[in-house]
Full PDB file with SEQRES, HELIX, SHEET, SSBOND, CRYST1, ORIGX, SCALE, CONECT and MASTER records, all heavy atoms in Angstrom:
SEQRES   1 A   39  GLY ILE ASP VAL ARG ASN LEU SER ASN PRO ASP MET ARG          
SEQRES   2 A   39  LEU SER GLY HIS GLN TRP GLY GLU PHE TRP ARG ALA CYS          
SEQRES   3 A   39  ILE GLU GLU SER ASP ASP PRO LEU PHE ALA LEU GLN ALA          
HELIX    1 AA1 VAL A    4  ASN A    6  5                                   3    
HELIX    2 AA2 GLY A   16  SER A   30  1                                  15    
HELIX    3 AA3 PHE A   35  GLN A   38  1                                   4    
CRYST1    1.000    1.000    1.000  90.00  90.00  90.00 P 1           1          
ORIGX1      1.000000  0.000000  0.000000        0.00000                         
ORIGX2      0.000000  1.000000  0.000000        0.00000                         
ORIGX3      0.000000  0.000000  1.000000        0.00000                         
SCALE1      1.000000  0.000000  0.000000        0.00000                         
SCALE2      0.000000  1.000000  0.000000        0.00000                         
SCALE3      0.000000  0.000000  1.000000        0.00000                         
ATOM      1  N   GLY A   1     -30.703 -28.937  17.337  1.00  0.00           N  
ATOM      2  CA  GLY A   1     -30.048 -28.940  18.633  1.00  0.00           C  
ATOM      3  C   GLY A   1     -30.527 -30.041  19.550  1.00  0.00           C  
ATOM      4  O   GLY A   1     -30.417 -29.940  20.780  1.00  0.00           O  
ATOM      5  N   ILE A   2     -31.066 -31.135  18.977  1.00  0.00           N  
ATOM      6  CA  ILE A   2     -31.568 -32.246  19.772  1.00  0.00           C  
ATOM      7  C   ILE A   2     -30.523 -33.359  19.802  1.00  0.00           C  
ATOM      8  O   ILE A   2     -30.146 -33.900  18.755  1.00  0.00           O  
ATOM      9  CB  ILE A   2     -32.887 -32.802  19.200  1.00  0.00           C  
ATOM     10  CG1 ILE A   2     -33.950 -31.703  19.164  1.00  0.00           C  
ATOM     11  CG2 ILE A   2     -33.379 -33.981  20.034  1.00  0.00           C  
ATOM     12  CD1 ILE A   2     -35.258 -32.147  18.517  1.00  0.00           C  
ATOM     13  N   ASP A   3     -30.071 -33.706  20.990  1.00  0.00           N  
ATOM     14  CA  ASP A   3     -29.142 -34.810  21.175  1.00  0.00           C  
ATOM     15  C   ASP A   3     -29.964 -36.073  21.397  1.00  0.00           C  
ATOM     16  O   ASP A   3     -30.619 -36.223  22.441  1.00  0.00           O  
ATOM     17  CB  ASP A   3     -28.243 -34.545  22.382  1.00  0.00           C  
ATOM     18  CG  ASP A   3     -27.156 -35.600  22.558  1.00  0.00           C  
ATOM     19  OD1 ASP A   3     -27.281 -36.687  21.956  1.00  0.00           O  
ATOM     20  OD2 ASP A   3     -26.187 -35.346  23.299  1.00  0.00           O  
ATOM     21  N   VAL A   4     -29.973 -36.977  20.419  1.00  0.00           N  
ATOM     22  CA  VAL A   4     -30.839 -38.160  20.502  1.00  0.00           C  
ATOM     23  C   VAL A   4     -30.473 -39.048  21.682  1.00  0.00           C  
ATOM     24  O   VAL A   4     -31.291 -39.869  22.116  1.00  0.00           O  
ATOM     25  CB  VAL A   4     -30.795 -38.964  19.187  1.00  0.00           C  
ATOM     26  CG1 VAL A   4     -31.369 -38.145  18.047  1.00  0.00           C  
ATOM     27  CG2 VAL A   4     -29.384 -39.435  18.874  1.00  0.00           C  
ATOM     28  N   ARG A   5     -29.287 -38.897  22.221  1.00  0.00           N  
ATOM     29  CA  ARG A   5     -28.885 -39.702  23.380  1.00  0.00           C  
ATOM     30  C   ARG A   5     -29.592 -39.256  24.649  1.00  0.00           C  
ATOM     31  O   ARG A   5     -29.599 -39.985  25.647  1.00  0.00           O  
ATOM     32  CB  ARG A   5     -27.363 -39.621  23.575  1.00  0.00           C  
ATOM     33  CG  ARG A   5     -26.548 -40.173  22.409  1.00  0.00           C  
ATOM     34  CD  ARG A   5     -25.076 -39.838  22.570  1.00  0.00           C  
ATOM     35  NE  ARG A   5     -24.869 -38.377  22.567  1.00  0.00           N  
ATOM     36  CZ  ARG A   5     -23.680 -37.797  22.691  1.00  0.00           C  
ATOM     37  NH1 ARG A   5     -22.596 -38.548  22.843  1.00  0.00           N  
ATOM     38  NH2 ARG A   5     -23.570 -36.472  22.671  1.00  0.00           N  
ATOM     39  N   ASN A   6     -30.184 -38.075  24.611  1.00  0.00           N  
ATOM     40  CA  ASN A   6     -30.821 -37.521  25.810  1.00  0.00           C  
ATOM     41  C   ASN A   6     -32.333 -37.419  25.696  1.00  0.00           C  
ATOM     42  O   ASN A   6     -32.962 -36.689  26.471  1.00  0.00           O  
ATOM     43  CB  ASN A   6     -30.249 -36.125  26.104  1.00  0.00           C  
ATOM     44  CG  ASN A   6     -28.814 -36.175  26.576  1.00  0.00           C  
ATOM     45  OD1 ASN A   6     -28.405 -37.137  27.223  1.00  0.00           O  
ATOM     46  ND2 ASN A   6     -28.040 -35.152  26.231  1.00  0.00           N  
ATOM     47  N   LEU A   7     -32.928 -38.138  24.768  1.00  0.00           N  
ATOM     48  CA  LEU A   7     -34.373 -37.999  24.566  1.00  0.00           C  
ATOM     49  C   LEU A   7     -35.189 -38.492  25.755  1.00  0.00           C  
ATOM     50  O   LEU A   7     -36.335 -38.099  25.921  1.00  0.00           O  
ATOM     51  CB  LEU A   7     -34.803 -38.751  23.294  1.00  0.00           C  
ATOM     52  CG  LEU A   7     -34.345 -38.126  21.974  1.00  0.00           C  
ATOM     53  CD1 LEU A   7     -34.878 -38.930  20.797  1.00  0.00           C  
ATOM     54  CD2 LEU A   7     -34.783 -36.681  21.870  1.00  0.00           C  
ATOM     55  N   SER A   8     -34.604 -39.348  26.577  1.00  0.00           N  
ATOM     56  CA  SER A   8     -35.336 -39.841  27.750  1.00  0.00           C  
ATOM     57  C   SER A   8     -35.168 -38.930  28.964  1.00  0.00           C  
ATOM     58  O   SER A   8     -35.750 -39.188  30.018  1.00  0.00           O  
ATOM     59  CB  SER A   8     -34.862 -41.254  28.112  1.00  0.00           C  
ATOM     60  OG  SER A   8     -33.484 -41.245  28.443  1.00  0.00           O  
ATOM     61  N   ASN A   9     -34.400 -37.852  28.808  1.00  0.00           N  
ATOM     62  CA  ASN A   9     -34.174 -36.922  29.906  1.00  0.00           C  
ATOM     63  C   ASN A   9     -35.367 -35.970  30.026  1.00  0.00           C  
ATOM     64  O   ASN A   9     -35.620 -35.171  29.121  1.00  0.00           O  
ATOM     65  CB  ASN A   9     -32.895 -36.121  29.634  1.00  0.00           C  
ATOM     66  CG  ASN A   9     -32.570 -35.148  30.753  1.00  0.00           C  
ATOM     67  OD1 ASN A   9     -33.353 -34.946  31.683  1.00  0.00           O  
ATOM     68  ND2 ASN A   9     -31.410 -34.516  30.660  1.00  0.00           N  
ATOM     69  N   PRO A  10     -36.107 -36.030  31.141  1.00  0.00           N  
ATOM     70  CA  PRO A  10     -37.302 -35.178  31.266  1.00  0.00           C  
ATOM     71  C   PRO A  10     -36.985 -33.694  31.339  1.00  0.00           C  
ATOM     72  O   PRO A  10     -37.870 -32.865  31.177  1.00  0.00           O  
ATOM     73  CB  PRO A  10     -37.950 -35.674  32.566  1.00  0.00           C  
ATOM     74  CG  PRO A  10     -36.818 -36.255  33.344  1.00  0.00           C  
ATOM     75  CD  PRO A  10     -35.892 -36.867  32.330  1.00  0.00           C  
ATOM     76  N   ASP A  11     -35.729 -33.359  31.586  1.00  0.00           N  
ATOM     77  CA  ASP A  11     -35.353 -31.950  31.669  1.00  0.00           C  
ATOM     78  C   ASP A  11     -34.921 -31.364  30.324  1.00  0.00           C  
ATOM     79  O   ASP A  11     -34.643 -30.162  30.233  1.00  0.00           O  
ATOM     80  CB  ASP A  11     -34.203 -31.777  32.671  1.00  0.00           C  
ATOM     81  CG  ASP A  11     -34.608 -32.148  34.090  1.00  0.00           C  
ATOM     82  OD1 ASP A  11     -35.768 -31.870  34.453  1.00  0.00           O  
ATOM     83  OD2 ASP A  11     -33.775 -32.725  34.807  1.00  0.00           O  
ATOM     84  N   MET A  12     -34.862 -32.189  29.293  1.00  0.00           N  
ATOM     85  CA  MET A  12     -34.435 -31.701  27.981  1.00  0.00           C  
ATOM     86  C   MET A  12     -35.626 -31.058  27.269  1.00  0.00           C  
ATOM     87  O   MET A  12     -36.623 -31.721  26.981  1.00  0.00           O  
ATOM     88  CB  MET A  12     -33.872 -32.842  27.142  1.00  0.00           C  
ATOM     89  CG  MET A  12     -33.282 -32.384  25.819  1.00  0.00           C  
ATOM     90  SD  MET A  12     -32.539 -33.756  24.906  1.00  0.00           S  
ATOM     91  CE  MET A  12     -32.027 -32.899  23.411  1.00  0.00           C  
ATOM     92  N   ARG A  13     -35.517 -29.769  26.984  1.00  0.00           N  
ATOM     93  CA  ARG A  13     -36.611 -29.028  26.382  1.00  0.00           C  
ATOM     94  C   ARG A  13     -36.071 -28.122  25.284  1.00  0.00           C  
ATOM     95  O   ARG A  13     -34.874 -27.805  25.245  1.00  0.00           O  
ATOM     96  CB  ARG A  13     -37.359 -28.203  27.435  1.00  0.00           C  
ATOM     97  CG  ARG A  13     -37.834 -29.019  28.631  1.00  0.00           C  
ATOM     98  CD  ARG A  13     -38.660 -28.199  29.589  1.00  0.00           C  
ATOM     99  NE  ARG A  13     -39.975 -27.888  29.060  1.00  0.00           N  
ATOM    100  CZ  ARG A  13     -41.023 -28.716  29.113  1.00  0.00           C  
ATOM    101  NH1 ARG A  13     -40.918 -29.898  29.660  1.00  0.00           N  
ATOM    102  NH2 ARG A  13     -42.191 -28.341  28.616  1.00  0.00           N  
ATOM    103  N   LEU A  14     -36.957 -27.717  24.380  1.00  0.00           N  
ATOM    104  CA  LEU A  14     -36.607 -26.782  23.314  1.00  0.00           C  
ATOM    105  C   LEU A  14     -37.537 -25.577  23.378  1.00  0.00           C  
ATOM    106  O   LEU A  14     -38.683 -25.676  23.840  1.00  0.00           O  
ATOM    107  CB  LEU A  14     -36.735 -27.433  21.938  1.00  0.00           C  
ATOM    108  CG  LEU A  14     -35.722 -28.500  21.525  1.00  0.00           C  
ATOM    109  CD1 LEU A  14     -36.008 -28.944  20.102  1.00  0.00           C  
ATOM    110  CD2 LEU A  14     -34.296 -28.012  21.648  1.00  0.00           C  
ATOM    111  N   SER A  15     -37.057 -24.454  22.880  1.00  0.00           N  
ATOM    112  CA  SER A  15     -37.913 -23.276  22.757  1.00  0.00           C  
ATOM    113  C   SER A  15     -38.942 -23.509  21.661  1.00  0.00           C  
ATOM    114  O   SER A  15     -38.801 -24.410  20.832  1.00  0.00           O  
ATOM    115  CB  SER A  15     -37.073 -22.048  22.410  1.00  0.00           C  
ATOM    116  OG  SER A  15     -36.574 -22.164  21.078  1.00  0.00           O  
ATOM    117  N   GLY A  16     -39.961 -22.675  21.663  1.00  0.00           N  
ATOM    118  CA  GLY A  16     -40.991 -22.795  20.630  1.00  0.00           C  
ATOM    119  C   GLY A  16     -40.417 -22.629  19.235  1.00  0.00           C  
ATOM    120  O   GLY A  16     -40.813 -23.334  18.301  1.00  0.00           O  
ATOM    121  N   HIS A  17     -39.481 -21.689  19.078  1.00  0.00           N  
ATOM    122  CA  HIS A  17     -38.863 -21.485  17.765  1.00  0.00           C  
ATOM    123  C   HIS A  17     -38.106 -22.734  17.322  1.00  0.00           C  
ATOM    124  O   HIS A  17     -38.257 -23.186  16.183  1.00  0.00           O  
ATOM    125  CB  HIS A  17     -37.922 -20.285  17.809  1.00  0.00           C  
ATOM    126  CG  HIS A  17     -37.148 -20.090  16.543  1.00  0.00           C  
ATOM    127  ND1 HIS A  17     -37.731 -19.588  15.391  1.00  0.00           N  
ATOM    128  CD2 HIS A  17     -35.839 -20.350  16.220  1.00  0.00           C  
ATOM    129  CE1 HIS A  17     -36.833 -19.534  14.430  1.00  0.00           C  
ATOM    130  NE2 HIS A  17     -35.677 -19.990  14.908  1.00  0.00           N  
ATOM    131  N   GLN A  18     -37.299 -23.309  18.204  1.00  0.00           N  
ATOM    132  CA  GLN A  18     -36.544 -24.518  17.863  1.00  0.00           C  
ATOM    133  C   GLN A  18     -37.483 -25.679  17.556  1.00  0.00           C  
ATOM    134  O   GLN A  18     -37.253 -26.446  16.622  1.00  0.00           O  
ATOM    135  CB  GLN A  18     -35.623 -24.901  19.020  1.00  0.00           C  
ATOM    136  CG  GLN A  18     -34.461 -23.980  19.253  1.00  0.00           C  
ATOM    137  CD  GLN A  18     -33.715 -24.346  20.524  1.00  0.00           C  
ATOM    138  OE1 GLN A  18     -34.274 -24.330  21.620  1.00  0.00           O  
ATOM    139  NE2 GLN A  18     -32.450 -24.710  20.359  1.00  0.00           N  
ATOM    140  N   TRP A  19     -38.531 -25.810  18.356  1.00  0.00           N  
ATOM    141  CA  TRP A  19     -39.486 -26.915  18.183  1.00  0.00           C  
ATOM    142  C   TRP A  19     -40.211 -26.793  16.846  1.00  0.00           C  
ATOM    143  O   TRP A  19     -40.382 -27.773  16.131  1.00  0.00           O  
ATOM    144  CB  TRP A  19     -40.468 -26.908  19.344  1.00  0.00           C  
ATOM    145  CG  TRP A  19     -41.269 -28.143  19.586  1.00  0.00           C  
ATOM    146  CD1 TRP A  19     -42.614 -28.195  19.819  1.00  0.00           C  
ATOM    147  CD2 TRP A  19     -40.808 -29.499  19.700  1.00  0.00           C  
ATOM    148  NE1 TRP A  19     -43.019 -29.481  20.055  1.00  0.00           N  
ATOM    149  CE2 TRP A  19     -41.930 -30.302  19.990  1.00  0.00           C  
ATOM    150  CE3 TRP A  19     -39.561 -30.105  19.576  1.00  0.00           C  
ATOM    151  CZ2 TRP A  19     -41.842 -31.690  20.157  1.00  0.00           C  
ATOM    152  CZ3 TRP A  19     -39.465 -31.486  19.743  1.00  0.00           C  
ATOM    153  CH2 TRP A  19     -40.590 -32.260  20.020  1.00  0.00           C  
ATOM    154  N   GLY A  20     -40.601 -25.589  16.494  1.00  0.00           N  
ATOM    155  CA  GLY A  20     -41.251 -25.378  15.207  1.00  0.00           C  
ATOM    156  C   GLY A  20     -40.316 -25.663  14.046  1.00  0.00           C  
ATOM    157  O   GLY A  20     -40.705 -26.304  13.058  1.00  0.00           O  
ATOM    158  N   GLU A  21     -39.056 -25.205  14.153  1.00  0.00           N  
ATOM    159  CA  GLU A  21     -38.086 -25.451  13.088  1.00  0.00           C  
ATOM    160  C   GLU A  21     -37.779 -26.937  12.951  1.00  0.00           C  
ATOM    161  O   GLU A  21     -37.551 -27.436  11.842  1.00  0.00           O  
ATOM    162  CB  GLU A  21     -36.803 -24.658  13.350  1.00  0.00           C  
ATOM    163  CG  GLU A  21     -36.945 -23.152  13.170  1.00  0.00           C  
ATOM    164  CD  GLU A  21     -37.450 -22.805  11.770  1.00  0.00           C  
ATOM    165  OE1 GLU A  21     -36.807 -23.206  10.791  1.00  0.00           O  
ATOM    166  OE2 GLU A  21     -38.507 -22.141  11.671  1.00  0.00           O  
ATOM    167  N   PHE A  22     -37.778 -27.652  14.065  1.00  0.00           N  
ATOM    168  CA  PHE A  22     -37.558 -29.105  14.010  1.00  0.00           C  
ATOM    169  C   PHE A  22     -38.649 -29.787  13.193  1.00  0.00           C  
ATOM    170  O   PHE A  22     -38.367 -30.594  12.295  1.00  0.00           O  
ATOM    171  CB  PHE A  22     -37.519 -29.686  15.424  1.00  0.00           C  
ATOM    172  CG  PHE A  22     -37.657 -31.187  15.454  1.00  0.00           C  
ATOM    173  CD1 PHE A  22     -36.616 -32.000  15.027  1.00  0.00           C  
ATOM    174  CD2 PHE A  22     -38.836 -31.787  15.885  1.00  0.00           C  
ATOM    175  CE1 PHE A  22     -36.745 -33.374  15.028  1.00  0.00           C  
ATOM    176  CE2 PHE A  22     -38.970 -33.163  15.905  1.00  0.00           C  
ATOM    177  CZ  PHE A  22     -37.921 -33.962  15.472  1.00  0.00           C  
ATOM    178  N   TRP A  23     -39.900 -29.476  13.471  1.00  0.00           N  
ATOM    179  CA  TRP A  23     -40.998 -30.123  12.749  1.00  0.00           C  
ATOM    180  C   TRP A  23     -41.062 -29.666  11.299  1.00  0.00           C  
ATOM    181  O   TRP A  23     -41.409 -30.445  10.411  1.00  0.00           O  
ATOM    182  CB  TRP A  23     -42.325 -29.870  13.472  1.00  0.00           C  
ATOM    183  CG  TRP A  23     -42.438 -30.692  14.719  1.00  0.00           C  
ATOM    184  CD1 TRP A  23     -42.303 -30.257  16.013  1.00  0.00           C  
ATOM    185  CD2 TRP A  23     -42.664 -32.105  14.804  1.00  0.00           C  
ATOM    186  NE1 TRP A  23     -42.441 -31.302  16.889  1.00  0.00           N  
ATOM    187  CE2 TRP A  23     -42.662 -32.443  16.183  1.00  0.00           C  
ATOM    188  CE3 TRP A  23     -42.871 -33.109  13.872  1.00  0.00           C  
ATOM    189  CZ2 TRP A  23     -42.862 -33.749  16.634  1.00  0.00           C  
ATOM    190  CZ3 TRP A  23     -43.073 -34.421  14.311  1.00  0.00           C  
ATOM    191  CH2 TRP A  23     -43.065 -34.733  15.671  1.00  0.00           C  
ATOM    192  N   ARG A  24     -40.697 -28.432  11.031  1.00  0.00           N  
ATOM    193  CA  ARG A  24     -40.594 -27.979   9.632  1.00  0.00           C  
ATOM    194  C   ARG A  24     -39.550 -28.803   8.888  1.00  0.00           C  
ATOM    195  O   ARG A  24     -39.768 -29.203   7.735  1.00  0.00           O  
ATOM    196  CB  ARG A  24     -40.200 -26.506   9.577  1.00  0.00           C  
ATOM    197  CG  ARG A  24     -41.278 -25.505   9.935  1.00  0.00           C  
ATOM    198  CD  ARG A  24     -40.701 -24.098   9.815  1.00  0.00           C  
ATOM    199  NE  ARG A  24     -41.543 -23.080  10.386  1.00  0.00           N  
ATOM    200  CZ  ARG A  24     -42.472 -22.403   9.726  1.00  0.00           C  
ATOM    201  NH1 ARG A  24     -42.679 -22.664   8.453  1.00  0.00           N  
ATOM    202  NH2 ARG A  24     -43.189 -21.473  10.338  1.00  0.00           N  
ATOM    203  N   ALA A  25     -38.416 -29.063   9.542  1.00  0.00           N  
ATOM    204  CA  ALA A  25     -37.358 -29.853   8.914  1.00  0.00           C  
ATOM    205  C   ALA A  25     -37.819 -31.286   8.667  1.00  0.00           C  
ATOM    206  O   ALA A  25     -37.491 -31.888   7.627  1.00  0.00           O  
ATOM    207  CB  ALA A  25     -36.107 -29.844   9.794  1.00  0.00           C  
ATOM    208  N   CYS A  26     -38.585 -31.846   9.589  1.00  0.00           N  
ATOM    209  CA  CYS A  26     -39.130 -33.197   9.393  1.00  0.00           C  
ATOM    210  C   CYS A  26     -40.073 -33.236   8.199  1.00  0.00           C  
ATOM    211  O   CYS A  26     -40.049 -34.183   7.394  1.00  0.00           O  
ATOM    212  CB  CYS A  26     -39.871 -33.650  10.647  1.00  0.00           C  
ATOM    213  SG  CYS A  26     -38.831 -34.045  12.061  1.00  0.00           S  
ATOM    214  N   ILE A  27     -40.912 -32.215   8.080  1.00  0.00           N  
ATOM    215  CA  ILE A  27     -41.849 -32.141   6.962  1.00  0.00           C  
ATOM    216  C   ILE A  27     -41.103 -32.012   5.644  1.00  0.00           C  
ATOM    217  O   ILE A  27     -41.429 -32.672   4.652  1.00  0.00           O  
ATOM    218  CB  ILE A  27     -42.825 -30.965   7.172  1.00  0.00           C  
ATOM    219  CG1 ILE A  27     -43.804 -31.312   8.298  1.00  0.00           C  
ATOM    220  CG2 ILE A  27     -43.569 -30.621   5.887  1.00  0.00           C  
ATOM    221  CD1 ILE A  27     -44.657 -30.148   8.743  1.00  0.00           C  
ATOM    222  N   GLU A  28     -40.070 -31.177   5.639  1.00  0.00           N  
ATOM    223  CA  GLU A  28     -39.280 -30.995   4.425  1.00  0.00           C  
ATOM    224  C   GLU A  28     -38.559 -32.288   4.045  1.00  0.00           C  
ATOM    225  O   GLU A  28     -38.541 -32.690   2.862  1.00  0.00           O  
ATOM    226  CB  GLU A  28     -38.268 -29.878   4.624  1.00  0.00           C  
ATOM    227  CG  GLU A  28     -37.425 -29.596   3.389  1.00  0.00           C  
ATOM    228  CD  GLU A  28     -36.472 -28.433   3.585  1.00  0.00           C  
ATOM    229  OE1 GLU A  28     -36.619 -27.696   4.580  1.00  0.00           O  
ATOM    230  OE2 GLU A  28     -35.575 -28.265   2.737  1.00  0.00           O  
ATOM    231  N   GLU A  29     -37.977 -32.964   5.034  1.00  0.00           N  
ATOM    232  CA  GLU A  29     -37.241 -34.198   4.768  1.00  0.00           C  
ATOM    233  C   GLU A  29     -38.165 -35.310   4.281  1.00  0.00           C  
ATOM    234  O   GLU A  29     -37.810 -36.103   3.403  1.00  0.00           O  
ATOM    235  CB  GLU A  29     -36.509 -34.650   6.030  1.00  0.00           C  
ATOM    236  CG  GLU A  29     -35.619 -35.864   5.864  1.00  0.00           C  
ATOM    237  CD  GLU A  29     -34.416 -35.606   4.976  1.00  0.00           C  
ATOM    238  OE1 GLU A  29     -34.017 -34.444   4.816  1.00  0.00           O  
ATOM    239  OE2 GLU A  29     -33.864 -36.598   4.438  1.00  0.00           O  
ATOM    240  N   SER A  30     -39.365 -35.370   4.827  1.00  0.00           N  
ATOM    241  CA  SER A  30     -40.315 -36.425   4.459  1.00  0.00           C  
ATOM    242  C   SER A  30     -41.178 -36.063   3.265  1.00  0.00           C  
ATOM    243  O   SER A  30     -41.848 -36.930   2.698  1.00  0.00           O  
ATOM    244  CB  SER A  30     -41.229 -36.731   5.653  1.00  0.00           C  
ATOM    245  OG  SER A  30     -42.044 -35.590   5.956  1.00  0.00           O  
ATOM    246  N   ASP A  31     -41.200 -34.759   2.909  1.00  0.00           N  
ATOM    247  CA  ASP A  31     -42.066 -34.254   1.843  1.00  0.00           C  
ATOM    248  C   ASP A  31     -43.526 -34.583   2.129  1.00  0.00           C  
ATOM    249  O   ASP A  31     -44.279 -34.985   1.246  1.00  0.00           O  
ATOM    250  CB  ASP A  31     -41.640 -34.833   0.482  1.00  0.00           C  
ATOM    251  CG  ASP A  31     -42.282 -34.097  -0.694  1.00  0.00           C  
ATOM    252  OD1 ASP A  31     -42.581 -32.896  -0.535  1.00  0.00           O  
ATOM    253  OD2 ASP A  31     -42.493 -34.721  -1.754  1.00  0.00           O  
ATOM    254  N   ASP A  32     -43.909 -34.421   3.413  1.00  0.00           N  
ATOM    255  CA  ASP A  32     -45.270 -34.739   3.833  1.00  0.00           C  
ATOM    256  C   ASP A  32     -45.755 -33.668   4.803  1.00  0.00           C  
ATOM    257  O   ASP A  32     -45.317 -33.616   5.951  1.00  0.00           O  
ATOM    258  CB  ASP A  32     -45.304 -36.111   4.511  1.00  0.00           C  
ATOM    259  CG  ASP A  32     -46.709 -36.513   4.925  1.00  0.00           C  
ATOM    260  OD1 ASP A  32     -47.673 -35.752   4.670  1.00  0.00           O  
ATOM    261  OD2 ASP A  32     -46.863 -37.615   5.505  1.00  0.00           O  
ATOM    262  N   PRO A  33     -46.662 -32.791   4.367  1.00  0.00           N  
ATOM    263  CA  PRO A  33     -47.161 -31.741   5.261  1.00  0.00           C  
ATOM    264  C   PRO A  33     -47.902 -32.277   6.479  1.00  0.00           C  
ATOM    265  O   PRO A  33     -48.045 -31.559   7.474  1.00  0.00           O  
ATOM    266  CB  PRO A  33     -48.083 -30.910   4.361  1.00  0.00           C  
ATOM    267  CG  PRO A  33     -48.439 -31.813   3.222  1.00  0.00           C  
ATOM    268  CD  PRO A  33     -47.262 -32.713   3.020  1.00  0.00           C  
ATOM    269  N   LEU A  34     -48.357 -33.520   6.397  1.00  0.00           N  
ATOM    270  CA  LEU A  34     -48.998 -34.166   7.545  1.00  0.00           C  
ATOM    271  C   LEU A  34     -48.074 -35.241   8.124  1.00  0.00           C  
ATOM    272  O   LEU A  34     -48.502 -36.340   8.467  1.00  0.00           O  
ATOM    273  CB  LEU A  34     -50.348 -34.765   7.142  1.00  0.00           C  
ATOM    274  CG  LEU A  34     -51.463 -33.753   6.862  1.00  0.00           C  
ATOM    275  CD1 LEU A  34     -52.736 -34.454   6.425  1.00  0.00           C  
ATOM    276  CD2 LEU A  34     -51.734 -32.872   8.087  1.00  0.00           C  
ATOM    277  N   PHE A  35     -46.805 -34.891   8.237  1.00  0.00           N  
ATOM    278  CA  PHE A  35     -45.817 -35.834   8.770  1.00  0.00           C  
ATOM    279  C   PHE A  35     -46.197 -36.340  10.154  1.00  0.00           C  
ATOM    280  O   PHE A  35     -45.845 -37.464  10.532  1.00  0.00           O  
ATOM    281  CB  PHE A  35     -44.437 -35.162   8.818  1.00  0.00           C  
ATOM    282  CG  PHE A  35     -43.383 -36.006   9.460  1.00  0.00           C  
ATOM    283  CD1 PHE A  35     -42.842 -37.100   8.782  1.00  0.00           C  
ATOM    284  CD2 PHE A  35     -42.922 -35.719  10.742  1.00  0.00           C  
ATOM    285  CE1 PHE A  35     -41.870 -37.887   9.382  1.00  0.00           C  
ATOM    286  CE2 PHE A  35     -41.955 -36.502  11.340  1.00  0.00           C  
ATOM    287  CZ  PHE A  35     -41.421 -37.592  10.655  1.00  0.00           C  
ATOM    288  N   ALA A  36     -46.933 -35.538  10.918  1.00  0.00           N  
ATOM    289  CA  ALA A  36     -47.358 -35.965  12.254  1.00  0.00           C  
ATOM    290  C   ALA A  36     -48.152 -37.273  12.196  1.00  0.00           C  
ATOM    291  O   ALA A  36     -48.102 -38.073  13.139  1.00  0.00           O  
ATOM    292  CB  ALA A  36     -48.196 -34.879  12.919  1.00  0.00           C  
ATOM    293  N   LEU A  37     -48.857 -37.519  11.094  1.00  0.00           N  
ATOM    294  CA  LEU A  37     -49.604 -38.774  10.954  1.00  0.00           C  
ATOM    295  C   LEU A  37     -48.665 -39.963  10.804  1.00  0.00           C  
ATOM    296  O   LEU A  37     -48.997 -41.070  11.223  1.00  0.00           O  
ATOM    297  CB  LEU A  37     -50.555 -38.704   9.758  1.00  0.00           C  
ATOM    298  CG  LEU A  37     -51.698 -37.691   9.855  1.00  0.00           C  
ATOM    299  CD1 LEU A  37     -52.566 -37.762   8.604  1.00  0.00           C  
ATOM    300  CD2 LEU A  37     -52.538 -37.931  11.107  1.00  0.00           C  
ATOM    301  N   GLN A  38     -47.507 -39.741  10.201  1.00  0.00           N  
ATOM    302  CA  GLN A  38     -46.502 -40.799  10.139  1.00  0.00           C  
ATOM    303  C   GLN A  38     -45.852 -40.994  11.513  1.00  0.00           C  
ATOM    304  O   GLN A  38     -45.693 -42.122  11.985  1.00  0.00           O  
ATOM    305  CB  GLN A  38     -45.406 -40.454   9.125  1.00  0.00           C  
ATOM    306  CG  GLN A  38     -45.830 -40.405   7.675  1.00  0.00           C  
ATOM    307  CD  GLN A  38     -44.624 -40.225   6.769  1.00  0.00           C  
ATOM    308  OE1 GLN A  38     -43.606 -40.904   6.908  1.00  0.00           O  
ATOM    309  NE2 GLN A  38     -44.737 -39.304   5.826  1.00  0.00           N  
ATOM    310  N   ALA A  39     -45.479 -39.889  12.136  1.00  0.00           N  
ATOM    311  CA  ALA A  39     -44.765 -39.972  13.408  1.00  0.00           C  
ATOM    312  C   ALA A  39     -45.600 -40.629  14.496  1.00  0.00           C  
ATOM    313  O   ALA A  39     -45.095 -41.450  15.274  1.00  0.00           O  
ATOM    314  CB  ALA A  39     -44.330 -38.572  13.841  1.00  0.00           C  
TER     315      ALA A  39                                                      
MASTER        0    0    0    3    0    0    0    6  314    1    0    3          
END                                                                             
């Protein structure tokens, strides 16, 4: 549910559940459990 066109909007926020699912999806897509080190 992240609109990349609005990433600079300081009012754009996600719930903890959405935020966790986003990072899980990044890890799955990258196949890297430490994807944060890449990001």
